[in-house]
Amino acid sequence: MNHFQGFAVLPTYEYKCEQNGETLEVVHSMSRSVSGWGELCEIAGRDPGDTPENAKVVRLLSASAVHTPRVGEWKRTNKKPSTTGHTHGPGCGCGH
């Protein structure tokens, strides 16, 4: 698990259940693998409903987000946070 100033940094993932067609977004470590609908629902904090817990889920390819704290960001980069809200590093290619 990555850390930023003592806080856990966890990516967001989207999974789709092949049996019921539902898509869920969850936050977990990069090293974790999700084995089925029941485990996915447990991570998401919801009831699996009528779908079997061993129903196959697939991780979707998407632009993922990473949850990090914003307080003290300037200490890490030796720059004050951008007033435009831009949080990417130099050369990220976004045009800001």
PDB file of N, CA and C in Angstrom:
ATOM      1  N   MET A   1       0.840  -1.172   0.000  1.00  0.00           N
ATOM      2  CA  MET A   1       0.000   0.000   0.000  1.00  0.00           C
ATOM      3  C   MET A   1       0.885   1.235   0.000  1.00  0.00           C
ATOM      4  N   ASN A   2       0.583   2.185  -0.855  1.00  0.00           N
ATOM      5  CA  ASN A   2       1.341   3.429  -0.897  1.00  0.00           C
ATOM      6  C   ASN A   2       0.860   4.357   0.200  1.00  0.00           C
ATOM      7  N   HIS A   3       1.762   5.248   0.650  1.00  0.00           N
ATOM      8  CA  HIS A   3       1.416   6.212   1.677  1.00  0.00           C
ATOM      9  C   HIS A   3       1.867   7.597   1.249  1.00  0.00           C
ATOM     10  N   PHE A   4       1.114   8.591   1.663  1.00  0.00           N
ATOM     11  CA  PHE A   4       1.425   9.988   1.419  1.00  0.00           C
ATOM     12  C   PHE A   4       1.250  10.703   2.737  1.00  0.00           C
ATOM     13  N   GLN A   5       2.331  11.173   3.310  1.00  0.00           N
ATOM     14  CA  GLN A   5       2.319  11.869   4.594  1.00  0.00           C
ATOM     15  C   GLN A   5       1.566  11.077   5.662  1.00  0.00           C
ATOM     16  N   GLY A   6       1.789   9.768   5.686  1.00  0.00           N
ATOM     17  CA  GLY A   6       1.192   8.922   6.709  1.00  0.00           C
ATOM     18  C   GLY A   6      -0.213   8.434   6.407  1.00  0.00           C
ATOM     19  N   PHE A   7      -0.807   8.851   5.284  1.00  0.00           N
ATOM     20  CA  PHE A   7      -2.149   8.417   4.919  1.00  0.00           C
ATOM     21  C   PHE A   7      -2.063   7.351   3.831  1.00  0.00           C
ATOM     22  N   ALA A   8      -2.956   6.384   3.872  1.00  0.00           N
ATOM     23  CA  ALA A   8      -3.001   5.360   2.835  1.00  0.00           C
ATOM     24  C   ALA A   8      -3.502   5.979   1.535  1.00  0.00           C
ATOM     25  N   VAL A   9      -2.876   5.602   0.432  1.00  0.00           N
ATOM     26  CA  VAL A   9      -3.278   6.061  -0.896  1.00  0.00           C
ATOM     27  C   VAL A   9      -3.838   4.845  -1.624  1.00  0.00           C
ATOM     28  N   LEU A  10      -5.132   4.873  -1.923  1.00  0.00           N
ATOM     29  CA  LEU A  10      -5.796   3.719  -2.530  1.00  0.00           C
ATOM     30  C   LEU A  10      -6.474   4.109  -3.837  1.00  0.00           C
ATOM     31  N   PRO A  11      -6.289   3.291  -4.890  1.00  0.00           N
ATOM     32  CA  PRO A  11      -6.950   3.567  -6.164  1.00  0.00           C
ATOM     33  C   PRO A  11      -8.417   3.119  -6.163  1.00  0.00           C
ATOM     34  N   THR A  12      -9.182   3.706  -7.053  1.00  0.00           N
ATOM     35  CA  THR A  12     -10.582   3.352  -7.261  1.00  0.00           C
ATOM     36  C   THR A  12     -10.670   2.445  -8.486  1.00  0.00           C
ATOM     37  N   TYR A  13     -11.459   1.380  -8.370  1.00  0.00           N
ATOM     38  CA  TYR A  13     -11.635   0.436  -9.475  1.00  0.00           C
ATOM     39  C   TYR A  13     -13.125   0.245  -9.763  1.00  0.00           C
ATOM     40  N   GLU A  14     -13.431  -0.058 -11.013  1.00  0.00           N
ATOM     41  CA  GLU A  14     -14.792  -0.416 -11.414  1.00  0.00           C
ATOM     42  C   GLU A  14     -14.807  -1.884 -11.809  1.00  0.00           C
ATOM     43  N   TYR A  15     -15.825  -2.604 -11.328  1.00  0.00           N
ATOM     44  CA  TYR A  15     -16.009  -4.016 -11.667  1.00  0.00           C
ATOM     45  C   TYR A  15     -17.414  -4.213 -12.201  1.00  0.00           C
ATOM     46  N   LYS A  16     -17.550  -5.164 -13.122  1.00  0.00           N
ATOM     47  CA  LYS A  16     -18.865  -5.518 -13.656  1.00  0.00           C
ATOM     48  C   LYS A  16     -19.117  -6.998 -13.412  1.00  0.00           C
ATOM     49  N   CYS A  17     -20.302  -7.311 -12.914  1.00  0.00           N
ATOM     50  CA  CYS A  17     -20.708  -8.696 -12.708  1.00  0.00           C
ATOM     51  C   CYS A  17     -21.247  -9.230 -14.028  1.00  0.00           C
ATOM     52  N   GLU A  18     -20.683 -10.348 -14.478  1.00  0.00           N
ATOM     53  CA  GLU A  18     -21.120 -10.917 -15.751  1.00  0.00           C
ATOM     54  C   GLU A  18     -22.515 -11.514 -15.669  1.00  0.00           C
ATOM     55  N   GLN A  19     -22.937 -11.919 -14.465  1.00  0.00           N
ATOM     56  CA  GLN A  19     -24.240 -12.563 -14.339  1.00  0.00           C
ATOM     57  C   GLN A  19     -25.398 -11.564 -14.262  1.00  0.00           C
ATOM     58  N   ASN A  20     -25.243 -10.484 -13.476  1.00  0.00           N
ATOM     59  CA  ASN A  20     -26.372  -9.552 -13.320  1.00  0.00           C
ATOM     60  C   ASN A  20     -26.174  -8.237 -14.069  1.00  0.00           C
ATOM     61  N   GLY A  21     -24.990  -8.010 -14.649  1.00  0.00           N
ATOM     62  CA  GLY A  21     -24.731  -6.816 -15.439  1.00  0.00           C
ATOM     63  C   GLY A  21     -24.478  -5.554 -14.623  1.00  0.00           C
ATOM     64  N   GLU A  22     -24.481  -5.649 -13.300  1.00  0.00           N
ATOM     65  CA  GLU A  22     -24.268  -4.469 -12.459  1.00  0.00           C
ATOM     66  C   GLU A  22     -22.794  -4.087 -12.423  1.00  0.00           C
ATOM     67  N   THR A  23     -22.548  -2.781 -12.327  1.00  0.00           N
ATOM     68  CA  THR A  23     -21.203  -2.247 -12.202  1.00  0.00           C
ATOM     69  C   THR A  23     -21.075  -1.574 -10.845  1.00  0.00           C
ATOM     70  N   LEU A  24     -19.978  -1.883 -10.121  1.00  0.00           N
ATOM     71  CA  LEU A  24     -19.715  -1.270  -8.827  1.00  0.00           C
ATOM     72  C   LEU A  24     -18.343  -0.621  -8.841  1.00  0.00           C
ATOM     73  N   GLU A  25     -18.240   0.528  -8.169  1.00  0.00           N
ATOM     74  CA  GLU A  25     -16.968   1.209  -7.998  1.00  0.00           C
ATOM     75  C   GLU A  25     -16.524   1.005  -6.552  1.00  0.00           C
ATOM     76  N   VAL A  26     -15.282   0.550  -6.373  1.00  0.00           N
ATOM     77  CA  VAL A  26     -14.761   0.287  -5.035  1.00  0.00           C
ATOM     78  C   VAL A  26     -13.336   0.824  -4.916  1.00  0.00           C
ATOM     79  N   VAL A  27     -12.897   0.992  -3.681  1.00  0.00           N
ATOM     80  CA  VAL A  27     -11.538   1.437  -3.381  1.00  0.00           C
ATOM     81  C   VAL A  27     -10.836   0.302  -2.652  1.00  0.00           C
ATOM     82  N   HIS A  28      -9.669  -0.121  -3.181  1.00  0.00           N
ATOM     83  CA  HIS A  28      -8.872  -1.141  -2.505  1.00  0.00           C
ATOM     84  C   HIS A  28      -7.429  -1.046  -2.968  1.00  0.00           C
ATOM     85  N   SER A  29      -6.541  -1.746  -2.285  1.00  0.00           N
ATOM     86  CA  SER A  29      -5.125  -1.709  -2.631  1.00  0.00           C
ATOM     87  C   SER A  29      -4.888  -2.339  -4.005  1.00  0.00           C
ATOM     88  N   MET A  30      -3.780  -1.946  -4.625  1.00  0.00           N
ATOM     89  CA  MET A  30      -3.450  -2.467  -5.949  1.00  0.00           C
ATOM     90  C   MET A  30      -3.132  -3.959  -5.909  1.00  0.00           C
ATOM     91  N   SER A  31      -2.696  -4.452  -4.777  1.00  0.00           N
ATOM     92  CA  SER A  31      -2.324  -5.860  -4.687  1.00  0.00           C
ATOM     93  C   SER A  31      -3.515  -6.791  -4.465  1.00  0.00           C
ATOM     94  N   ARG A  32      -4.672  -6.236  -4.183  1.00  0.00           N
ATOM     95  CA  ARG A  32      -5.849  -7.071  -3.913  1.00  0.00           C
ATOM     96  C   ARG A  32      -6.505  -7.510  -5.213  1.00  0.00           C
ATOM     97  N   SER A  33      -6.926  -8.762  -5.249  1.00  0.00           N
ATOM     98  CA  SER A  33      -7.717  -9.250  -6.382  1.00  0.00           C
ATOM     99  C   SER A  33      -9.095  -9.629  -5.847  1.00  0.00           C
ATOM    100  N   VAL A  34     -10.103  -9.390  -6.641  1.00  0.00           N
ATOM    101  CA  VAL A  34     -11.491  -9.664  -6.236  1.00  0.00           C
ATOM    102  C   VAL A  34     -11.935 -10.934  -6.932  1.00  0.00           C
ATOM    103  N   SER A  35     -12.374 -11.924  -6.141  1.00  0.00           N
ATOM    104  CA  SER A  35     -12.667 -13.246  -6.699  1.00  0.00           C
ATOM    105  C   SER A  35     -14.099 -13.421  -7.195  1.00  0.00           C
ATOM    106  N   GLY A  36     -15.033 -12.634  -6.718  1.00  0.00           N
ATOM    107  CA  GLY A  36     -16.420 -12.823  -7.155  1.00  0.00           C
ATOM    108  C   GLY A  36     -17.345 -11.741  -6.641  1.00  0.00           C
ATOM    109  N   TRP A  37     -18.615 -11.848  -7.029  1.00  0.00           N
ATOM    110  CA  TRP A  37     -19.628 -10.856  -6.680  1.00  0.00           C
ATOM    111  C   TRP A  37     -19.768 -10.669  -5.166  1.00  0.00           C
ATOM    112  N   GLY A  38     -19.707 -11.739  -4.405  1.00  0.00           N
ATOM    113  CA  GLY A  38     -19.848 -11.635  -2.953  1.00  0.00           C
ATOM    114  C   GLY A  38     -18.737 -10.815  -2.329  1.00  0.00           C
ATOM    115  N   GLU A  39     -17.501 -11.065  -2.741  1.00  0.00           N
ATOM    116  CA  GLU A  39     -16.370 -10.296  -2.206  1.00  0.00           C
ATOM    117  C   GLU A  39     -16.459  -8.833  -2.642  1.00  0.00           C
ATOM    118  N   LEU A  40     -16.852  -8.596  -3.880  1.00  0.00           N
ATOM    119  CA  LEU A  40     -16.999  -7.228  -4.375  1.00  0.00           C
ATOM    120  C   LEU A  40     -18.049  -6.470  -3.570  1.00  0.00           C
ATOM    121  N   CYS A  41     -19.174  -7.103  -3.318  1.00  0.00           N
ATOM    122  CA  CYS A  41     -20.239  -6.462  -2.530  1.00  0.00           C
ATOM    123  C   CYS A  41     -19.773  -6.188  -1.102  1.00  0.00           C
ATOM    124  N   GLU A  42     -18.975  -7.090  -0.551  1.00  0.00           N
ATOM    125  CA  GLU A  42     -18.438  -6.883   0.800  1.00  0.00           C
ATOM    126  C   GLU A  42     -17.546  -5.644   0.841  1.00  0.00           C
ATOM    127  N   ILE A  43     -16.682  -5.480  -0.169  1.00  0.00           N
ATOM    128  CA  ILE A  43     -15.811  -4.303  -0.246  1.00  0.00           C
ATOM    129  C   ILE A  43     -16.649  -3.038  -0.401  1.00  0.00           C
ATOM    130  N   ALA A  44     -17.709  -3.126  -1.217  1.00  0.00           N
ATOM    131  CA  ALA A  44     -18.561  -1.965  -1.479  1.00  0.00           C
ATOM    132  C   ALA A  44     -19.535  -1.676  -0.344  1.00  0.00           C
ATOM    133  N   GLY A  45     -19.671  -2.611   0.592  1.00  0.00           N
ATOM    134  CA  GLY A  45     -20.583  -2.411   1.712  1.00  0.00           C
ATOM    135  C   GLY A  45     -22.050  -2.532   1.332  1.00  0.00           C
ATOM    136  N   ARG A  46     -22.344  -3.471   0.455  1.00  0.00           N
ATOM    137  CA  ARG A  46     -23.738  -3.670   0.033  1.00  0.00           C
ATOM    138  C   ARG A  46     -24.078  -5.154   0.014  1.00  0.00           C
ATOM    139  N   ASP A  47     -25.355  -5.432  -0.018  1.00  0.00           N
ATOM    140  CA  ASP A  47     -25.854  -6.805  -0.041  1.00  0.00           C
ATOM    141  C   ASP A  47     -25.747  -7.357  -1.458  1.00  0.00           C
ATOM    142  N   PRO A  48     -25.313  -8.618  -1.629  1.00  0.00           N
ATOM    143  CA  PRO A  48     -25.196  -9.176  -2.973  1.00  0.00           C
ATOM    144  C   PRO A  48     -26.535  -9.475  -3.644  1.00  0.00           C
ATOM    145  N   GLY A  49     -27.602  -9.421  -2.880  1.00  0.00           N
ATOM    146  CA  GLY A  49     -28.917  -9.681  -3.450  1.00  0.00           C
ATOM    147  C   GLY A  49     -29.073 -11.132  -3.861  1.00  0.00           C
ATOM    148  N   ASP A  50     -29.763 -11.366  -4.976  1.00  0.00           N
ATOM    149  CA  ASP A  50     -30.028 -12.726  -5.451  1.00  0.00           C
ATOM    150  C   ASP A  50     -28.894 -13.311  -6.291  1.00  0.00           C
ATOM    151  N   THR A  51     -27.894 -12.516  -6.599  1.00  0.00           N
ATOM    152  CA  THR A  51     -26.781 -12.986  -7.417  1.00  0.00           C
ATOM    153  C   THR A  51     -25.866 -13.874  -6.565  1.00  0.00           C
ATOM    154  N   PRO A  52     -25.496 -15.046  -7.074  1.00  0.00           N
ATOM    155  CA  PRO A  52     -24.595 -15.925  -6.312  1.00  0.00           C
ATOM    156  C   PRO A  52     -23.282 -15.211  -5.973  1.00  0.00           C
ATOM    157  N   GLU A  53     -22.765 -15.473  -4.780  1.00  0.00           N
ATOM    158  CA  GLU A  53     -21.543 -14.810  -4.338  1.00  0.00           C
ATOM    159  C   GLU A  53     -20.333 -15.182  -5.188  1.00  0.00           C
ATOM    160  N   ASN A  54     -20.377 -16.345  -5.838  1.00  0.00           N
ATOM    161  CA  ASN A  54     -19.236 -16.753  -6.661  1.00  0.00           C
ATOM    162  C   ASN A  54     -19.380 -16.323  -8.128  1.00  0.00           C
ATOM    163  N   ALA A  55     -20.389 -15.492  -8.443  1.00  0.00           N
ATOM    164  CA  ALA A  55     -20.554 -15.011  -9.816  1.00  0.00           C
ATOM    165  C   ALA A  55     -19.313 -14.223 -10.224  1.00  0.00           C
ATOM    166  N   LYS A  56     -18.851 -14.446 -11.453  1.00  0.00           N
ATOM    167  CA  LYS A  56     -17.618 -13.837 -11.941  1.00  0.00           C
ATOM    168  C   LYS A  56     -17.771 -12.326 -12.121  1.00  0.00           C
ATOM    169  N   VAL A  57     -16.743 -11.584 -11.696  1.00  0.00           N
ATOM    170  CA  VAL A  57     -16.687 -10.149 -11.936  1.00  0.00           C
ATOM    171  C   VAL A  57     -15.416  -9.846 -12.723  1.00  0.00           C
ATOM    172  N   VAL A  58     -15.477  -8.818 -13.552  1.00  0.00           N
ATOM    173  CA  VAL A  58     -14.306  -8.394 -14.315  1.00  0.00           C
ATOM    174  C   VAL A  58     -14.013  -6.936 -13.997  1.00  0.00           C
ATOM    175  N   ARG A  59     -12.726  -6.628 -13.852  1.00  0.00           N
ATOM    176  CA  ARG A  59     -12.328  -5.242 -13.615  1.00  0.00           C
ATOM    177  C   ARG A  59     -12.352  -4.522 -14.946  1.00  0.00           C
ATOM    178  N   LEU A  60     -13.024  -3.389 -14.985  1.00  0.00           N
ATOM    179  CA  LEU A  60     -13.150  -2.619 -16.211  1.00  0.00           C
ATOM    180  C   LEU A  60     -11.954  -1.704 -16.390  1.00  0.00           C
ATOM    181  N   LEU A  61     -11.587  -1.471 -17.621  1.00  0.00           N
ATOM    182  CA  LEU A  61     -10.517  -0.539 -17.932  1.00  0.00           C
ATOM    183  C   LEU A  61     -11.112   0.854 -17.934  1.00  0.00           C
ATOM    184  N   SER A  62     -10.642   1.677 -17.041  1.00  0.00           N
ATOM    185  CA  SER A  62     -11.165   3.036 -16.958  1.00  0.00           C
ATOM    186  C   SER A  62     -10.077   3.946 -16.414  1.00  0.00           C
ATOM    187  N   ALA A  63     -10.337   5.229 -16.519  1.00  0.00           N
ATOM    188  CA  ALA A  63      -9.426   6.197 -15.912  1.00  0.00           C
ATOM    189  C   ALA A  63      -9.631   6.091 -14.415  1.00  0.00           C
ATOM    190  N   SER A  64      -8.627   5.608 -13.720  1.00  0.00           N
ATOM    191  CA  SER A  64      -8.798   5.393 -12.291  1.00  0.00           C
ATOM    192  C   SER A  64      -8.460   6.647 -11.511  1.00  0.00           C
ATOM    193  N   ALA A  65      -9.024   6.731 -10.335  1.00  0.00           N
ATOM    194  CA  ALA A  65      -8.744   7.835  -9.422  1.00  0.00           C
ATOM    195  C   ALA A  65      -7.948   7.290  -8.252  1.00  0.00           C
ATOM    196  N   VAL A  66      -7.173   8.166  -7.640  1.00  0.00           N
ATOM    197  CA  VAL A  66      -6.433   7.797  -6.450  1.00  0.00           C
ATOM    198  C   VAL A  66      -6.805   8.765  -5.355  1.00  0.00           C
ATOM    199  N   HIS A  67      -7.161   8.226  -4.196  1.00  0.00           N
ATOM    200  CA  HIS A  67      -7.549   9.052  -3.062  1.00  0.00           C
ATOM    201  C   HIS A  67      -6.314   9.448  -2.273  1.00  0.00           C
ATOM    202  N   THR A  68      -6.015  10.744  -2.252  1.00  0.00           N
ATOM    203  CA  THR A  68      -4.882  11.245  -1.482  1.00  0.00           C
ATOM    204  C   THR A  68      -5.308  12.488  -0.720  1.00  0.00           C
ATOM    205  N   PRO A  69      -4.652  12.789   0.379  1.00  0.00           N
ATOM    206  CA  PRO A  69      -4.967  14.016   1.105  1.00  0.00           C
ATOM    207  C   PRO A  69      -4.391  15.217   0.366  1.00  0.00           C
ATOM    208  N   ARG A  70      -5.035  16.369   0.464  1.00  0.00           N
ATOM    209  CA  ARG A  70      -4.556  17.581  -0.202  1.00  0.00           C
ATOM    210  C   ARG A  70      -3.774  18.473   0.767  1.00  0.00           C
ATOM    211  N   VAL A  71      -3.973  18.306   2.051  1.00  0.00           N
ATOM    212  CA  VAL A  71      -3.310  19.148   3.028  1.00  0.00           C
ATOM    213  C   VAL A  71      -1.807  18.909   2.973  1.00  0.00           C
ATOM    214  N   GLY A  72      -1.041  19.957   2.898  1.00  0.00           N
ATOM    215  CA  GLY A  72       0.409  19.840   2.911  1.00  0.00           C
ATOM    216  C   GLY A  72       1.029  19.430   1.592  1.00  0.00           C
ATOM    217  N   GLU A  73       0.265  19.477   0.515  1.00  0.00           N
ATOM    218  CA  GLU A  73       0.798  19.062  -0.781  1.00  0.00           C
ATOM    219  C   GLU A  73       2.050  19.867  -1.143  1.00  0.00           C
ATOM    220  N   TRP A  74       2.059  21.123  -0.819  1.00  0.00           N
ATOM    221  CA  TRP A  74       3.199  21.966  -1.180  1.00  0.00           C
ATOM    222  C   TRP A  74       4.491  21.520  -0.508  1.00  0.00           C
ATOM    223  N   LYS A  75       4.401  20.840   0.641  1.00  0.00           N
ATOM    224  CA  LYS A  75       5.602  20.362   1.330  1.00  0.00           C
ATOM    225  C   LYS A  75       6.294  19.283   0.507  1.00  0.00           C
ATOM    226  N   ARG A  76       5.526  18.483  -0.189  1.00  0.00           N
ATOM    227  CA  ARG A  76       6.081  17.390  -0.994  1.00  0.00           C
ATOM    228  C   ARG A  76       6.749  17.917  -2.255  1.00  0.00           C
ATOM    229  N   THR A  77       6.186  18.963  -2.858  1.00  0.00           N
ATOM    230  CA  THR A  77       6.686  19.451  -4.138  1.00  0.00           C
ATOM    231  C   THR A  77       7.526  20.709  -4.014  1.00  0.00           C
ATOM    232  N   ASN A  78       7.598  21.282  -2.809  1.00  0.00           N
ATOM    233  CA  ASN A  78       8.270  22.562  -2.582  1.00  0.00           C
ATOM    234  C   ASN A  78       7.613  23.693  -3.348  1.00  0.00           C
ATOM    235  N   LYS A  79       6.354  23.509  -3.712  1.00  0.00           N
ATOM    236  CA  LYS A  79       5.568  24.539  -4.379  1.00  0.00           C
ATOM    237  C   LYS A  79       4.257  24.669  -3.635  1.00  0.00           C
ATOM    238  N   LYS A  80       3.688  25.845  -3.679  1.00  0.00           N
ATOM    239  CA  LYS A  80       2.361  26.011  -3.107  1.00  0.00           C
ATOM    240  C   LYS A  80       1.348  25.375  -4.044  1.00  0.00           C
ATOM    241  N   PRO A  81       0.203  24.857  -3.511  1.00  0.00           N
ATOM    242  CA  PRO A  81      -0.817  24.272  -4.381  1.00  0.00           C
ATOM    243  C   PRO A  81      -1.312  25.298  -5.398  1.00  0.00           C
ATOM    244  N   SER A  82      -1.645  24.825  -6.557  1.00  0.00           N
ATOM    245  CA  SER A  82      -2.145  25.681  -7.619  1.00  0.00           C
ATOM    246  C   SER A  82      -3.453  26.333  -7.226  1.00  0.00           C
ATOM    247  N   THR A  83      -3.629  27.596  -7.596  1.00  0.00           N
ATOM    248  CA  THR A  83      -4.897  28.275  -7.329  1.00  0.00           C
ATOM    249  C   THR A  83      -5.952  27.879  -8.344  1.00  0.00           C
ATOM    250  N   THR A  84      -5.555  27.186  -9.424  1.00  0.00           N
ATOM    251  CA  THR A  84      -6.523  26.747 -10.433  1.00  0.00           C
ATOM    252  C   THR A  84      -7.064  25.360 -10.124  1.00  0.00           C
ATOM    253  N   GLY A  85      -6.536  24.723  -9.088  1.00  0.00           N
ATOM    254  CA  GLY A  85      -6.982  23.377  -8.753  1.00  0.00           C
ATOM    255  C   GLY A  85      -6.191  22.297  -9.458  1.00  0.00           C
ATOM    256  N   HIS A  86      -5.216  22.684 -10.273  1.00  0.00           N
ATOM    257  CA  HIS A  86      -4.403  21.718 -11.002  1.00  0.00           C
ATOM    258  C   HIS A  86      -3.529  20.956 -10.022  1.00  0.00           C
ATOM    259  N   THR A  87      -3.576  19.624 -10.059  1.00  0.00           N
ATOM    260  CA  THR A  87      -2.814  18.818  -9.112  1.00  0.00           C
ATOM    261  C   THR A  87      -1.802  17.904  -9.795  1.00  0.00           C
ATOM    262  N   HIS A  88      -1.687  17.972 -11.108  1.00  0.00           N
ATOM    263  CA  HIS A  88      -0.752  17.107 -11.815  1.00  0.00           C
ATOM    264  C   HIS A  88       0.650  17.687 -11.750  1.00  0.00           C
ATOM    265  N   GLY A  89       1.619  16.865 -11.984  1.00  0.00           N
ATOM    266  CA  GLY A  89       3.005  17.319 -11.983  1.00  0.00           C
ATOM    267  C   GLY A  89       3.387  17.960 -13.299  1.00  0.00           C
ATOM    268  N   PRO A  90       4.565  18.569 -13.337  1.00  0.00           N
ATOM    269  CA  PRO A  90       5.026  19.166 -14.587  1.00  0.00           C
ATOM    270  C   PRO A  90       5.167  18.087 -15.667  1.00  0.00           C
ATOM    271  N   GLY A  91       4.812  18.445 -16.880  1.00  0.00           N
ATOM    272  CA  GLY A  91       4.937  17.512 -17.987  1.00  0.00           C
ATOM    273  C   GLY A  91       3.841  16.471 -18.063  1.00  0.00           C
ATOM    274  N   CYS A  92       2.726  16.678 -17.337  1.00  0.00           N
ATOM    275  CA  CYS A  92       1.660  15.664 -17.348  1.00  0.00           C
ATOM    276  C   CYS A  92       0.902  15.662 -18.671  1.00  0.00           C
ATOM    277  N   GLY A  93       1.011  16.761 -19.445  1.00  0.00           N
ATOM    278  CA  GLY A  93       0.368  16.794 -20.750  1.00  0.00           C
ATOM    279  C   GLY A  93      -1.053  17.298 -20.768  1.00  0.00           C
ATOM    280  N   CYS A  94      -1.560  17.765 -19.626  1.00  0.00           N
ATOM    281  CA  CYS A  94      -2.956  18.188 -19.599  1.00  0.00           C
ATOM    282  C   CYS A  94      -3.130  19.643 -20.044  1.00  0.00           C
ATOM    283  N   GLY A  95      -2.045  20.391 -20.199  1.00  0.00           N
ATOM    284  CA  GLY A  95      -2.153  21.757 -20.691  1.00  0.00           C
ATOM    285  C   GLY A  95      -2.269  22.823 -19.614  1.00  0.00           C
ATOM    286  N   HIS A  96      -2.203  22.473 -18.362  1.00  0.00           N
ATOM    287  CA  HIS A  96      -2.279  23.472 -17.273  1.00  0.00           C
ATOM    288  C   HIS A  96      -0.918  23.791 -16.734  1.00  0.00           C
TER     289      HIS A  96
END
